[in-house]
Amino acid sequence: MRKISVRLTEQHYELLDELVRNGEYASISEAIRDAIRKLIAEKMEVLEKYQKLKSFS
């Protein structure tokens, strides 16, 4: 696993911290990893749909 640095707005940090305090995630890092996984899955789905449409033309 690679380690990176990310700058967040104070508001984003506070919202992530609230999720952690409410027990949704064990840490802010875990919440960010979950968000990235969801983003990648969403973008891959869009890309797959685009490629299927492109193959029909």
N, C-alpha and C. Protein backbone atom coordinates (compact mmCIF):
# COMPACT_ATOMS: atom_id res chain seq x y z
N MET A 1 0.85 -1.16 0.00
CA MET A 1 0.00 0.00 0.00
C MET A 1 0.90 1.23 0.00
N ARG A 2 0.55 2.18 -0.85
CA ARG A 2 1.31 3.43 -0.92
C ARG A 2 0.73 4.47 0.03
N LYS A 3 1.58 5.33 0.48
CA LYS A 3 1.16 6.43 1.34
C LYS A 3 1.25 7.72 0.54
N ILE A 4 0.16 8.51 0.59
CA ILE A 4 0.14 9.79 -0.12
C ILE A 4 -0.36 10.87 0.86
N SER A 5 -0.15 12.10 0.48
CA SER A 5 -0.68 13.22 1.24
C SER A 5 -1.81 13.86 0.46
N VAL A 6 -2.83 14.28 1.16
CA VAL A 6 -3.98 14.92 0.53
C VAL A 6 -4.34 16.14 1.36
N ARG A 7 -4.57 17.24 0.69
CA ARG A 7 -5.02 18.45 1.38
C ARG A 7 -6.54 18.50 1.30
N LEU A 8 -7.17 18.73 2.45
CA LEU A 8 -8.62 18.81 2.53
C LEU A 8 -9.02 20.18 3.05
N THR A 9 -10.20 20.62 2.62
CA THR A 9 -10.73 21.84 3.23
C THR A 9 -11.08 21.51 4.68
N GLU A 10 -11.15 22.52 5.48
CA GLU A 10 -11.51 22.31 6.89
C GLU A 10 -12.88 21.65 6.98
N GLN A 11 -13.80 22.08 6.13
CA GLN A 11 -15.15 21.51 6.14
C GLN A 11 -15.13 20.01 5.80
N HIS A 12 -14.38 19.63 4.76
CA HIS A 12 -14.30 18.21 4.41
C HIS A 12 -13.70 17.40 5.54
N TYR A 13 -12.63 17.94 6.16
CA TYR A 13 -12.01 17.23 7.27
C TYR A 13 -12.99 17.05 8.42
N GLU A 14 -13.72 18.10 8.75
CA GLU A 14 -14.68 18.02 9.86
C GLU A 14 -15.79 17.03 9.56
N LEU A 15 -16.26 16.99 8.31
CA LEU A 15 -17.30 16.02 7.95
C LEU A 15 -16.78 14.59 8.04
N LEU A 16 -15.56 14.37 7.58
CA LEU A 16 -14.96 13.03 7.69
C LEU A 16 -14.75 12.66 9.15
N ASP A 17 -14.29 13.60 9.94
CA ASP A 17 -14.08 13.35 11.37
C ASP A 17 -15.40 13.01 12.05
N GLU A 18 -16.47 13.65 11.65
CA GLU A 18 -17.80 13.35 12.20
C GLU A 18 -18.21 11.91 11.88
N LEU A 19 -17.93 11.47 10.64
CA LEU A 19 -18.22 10.08 10.28
C LEU A 19 -17.45 9.11 11.16
N VAL A 20 -16.21 9.43 11.44
CA VAL A 20 -15.38 8.57 12.31
C VAL A 20 -15.95 8.58 13.73
N ARG A 21 -16.26 9.75 14.25
CA ARG A 21 -16.79 9.85 15.62
C ARG A 21 -18.13 9.12 15.75
N ASN A 22 -18.91 9.07 14.66
CA ASN A 22 -20.20 8.37 14.70
C ASN A 22 -20.07 6.88 14.45
N GLY A 23 -18.84 6.41 14.26
CA GLY A 23 -18.61 4.98 14.11
C GLY A 23 -18.78 4.45 12.70
N GLU A 24 -18.95 5.34 11.73
CA GLU A 24 -19.10 4.90 10.34
C GLU A 24 -17.79 4.32 9.81
N TYR A 25 -16.68 4.86 10.25
CA TYR A 25 -15.35 4.43 9.82
C TYR A 25 -14.43 4.40 11.03
N ALA A 26 -13.40 3.57 10.95
CA ALA A 26 -12.42 3.49 12.03
C ALA A 26 -11.46 4.68 12.01
N SER A 27 -11.28 5.27 10.83
CA SER A 27 -10.35 6.39 10.69
C SER A 27 -10.73 7.23 9.48
N ILE A 28 -10.18 8.43 9.41
CA ILE A 28 -10.39 9.28 8.25
C ILE A 28 -9.77 8.62 7.02
N SER A 29 -8.62 7.97 7.19
CA SER A 29 -7.99 7.28 6.06
C SER A 29 -8.90 6.21 5.49
N GLU A 30 -9.57 5.46 6.37
CA GLU A 30 -10.49 4.42 5.90
C GLU A 30 -11.65 5.05 5.13
N ALA A 31 -12.16 6.17 5.60
CA ALA A 31 -13.26 6.86 4.91
C ALA A 31 -12.82 7.33 3.53
N ILE A 32 -11.61 7.86 3.44
CA ILE A 32 -11.10 8.33 2.15
C ILE A 32 -10.89 7.15 1.20
N ARG A 33 -10.34 6.04 1.70
CA ARG A 33 -10.17 4.86 0.85
C ARG A 33 -11.50 4.36 0.32
N ASP A 34 -12.54 4.37 1.18
CA ASP A 34 -13.86 3.94 0.76
C ASP A 34 -14.41 4.86 -0.33
N ALA A 35 -14.22 6.15 -0.16
CA ALA A 35 -14.68 7.12 -1.16
C ALA A 35 -13.97 6.90 -2.50
N ILE A 36 -12.67 6.62 -2.44
CA ILE A 36 -11.91 6.37 -3.67
C ILE A 36 -12.38 5.09 -4.35
N ARG A 37 -12.62 4.05 -3.57
CA ARG A 37 -13.14 2.79 -4.16
C ARG A 37 -14.46 3.03 -4.87
N LYS A 38 -15.34 3.79 -4.23
CA LYS A 38 -16.65 4.07 -4.83
C LYS A 38 -16.51 4.92 -6.08
N LEU A 39 -15.64 5.91 -6.06
CA LEU A 39 -15.39 6.75 -7.23
C LEU A 39 -14.87 5.92 -8.40
N ILE A 40 -13.91 5.06 -8.13
CA ILE A 40 -13.32 4.23 -9.19
C ILE A 40 -14.38 3.28 -9.75
N ALA A 41 -15.18 2.67 -8.90
CA ALA A 41 -16.23 1.75 -9.38
C ALA A 41 -17.23 2.49 -10.26
N GLU A 42 -17.61 3.70 -9.84
CA GLU A 42 -18.56 4.50 -10.62
C GLU A 42 -17.97 4.88 -11.98
N LYS A 43 -16.73 5.32 -11.99
CA LYS A 43 -16.09 5.73 -13.24
C LYS A 43 -15.87 4.54 -14.16
N MET A 44 -15.52 3.38 -13.60
CA MET A 44 -15.33 2.18 -14.41
C MET A 44 -16.65 1.76 -15.06
N GLU A 45 -17.75 1.89 -14.32
CA GLU A 45 -19.06 1.55 -14.86
C GLU A 45 -19.40 2.46 -16.04
N VAL A 46 -19.15 3.75 -15.89
CA VAL A 46 -19.40 4.69 -16.98
C VAL A 46 -18.53 4.36 -18.18
N LEU A 47 -17.26 4.06 -17.94
CA LEU A 47 -16.34 3.73 -19.02
C LEU A 47 -16.77 2.45 -19.74
N GLU A 48 -17.20 1.45 -18.99
CA GLU A 48 -17.66 0.20 -19.61
C GLU A 48 -18.90 0.44 -20.47
N LYS A 49 -19.83 1.26 -19.99
CA LYS A 49 -21.02 1.57 -20.78
C LYS A 49 -20.64 2.30 -22.06
N TYR A 50 -19.70 3.24 -21.95
CA TYR A 50 -19.24 3.98 -23.12
C TYR A 50 -18.60 3.04 -24.13
N GLN A 51 -17.77 2.12 -23.66
CA GLN A 51 -17.10 1.20 -24.56
C GLN A 51 -18.09 0.25 -25.24
N LYS A 52 -19.13 -0.16 -24.53
CA LYS A 52 -20.16 -1.01 -25.14
C LYS A 52 -20.90 -0.23 -26.22
N LEU A 53 -21.25 1.01 -25.94
CA LEU A 53 -21.94 1.82 -26.94
C LEU A 53 -21.05 2.06 -28.15
N LYS A 54 -19.79 2.29 -27.91
CA LYS A 54 -18.83 2.55 -28.99
C LYS A 54 -18.66 1.30 -29.88
N SER A 55 -18.72 0.12 -29.27
CA SER A 55 -18.53 -1.10 -30.06
C SER A 55 -19.74 -1.38 -30.98
N PHE A 56 -20.90 -0.80 -30.67
CA PHE A 56 -22.08 -0.98 -31.49
C PHE A 56 -22.07 -0.08 -32.73
N SER A 57 -21.24 0.96 -32.72
CA SER A 57 -21.24 1.88 -33.87
C SER A 57 -20.32 1.48 -34.97
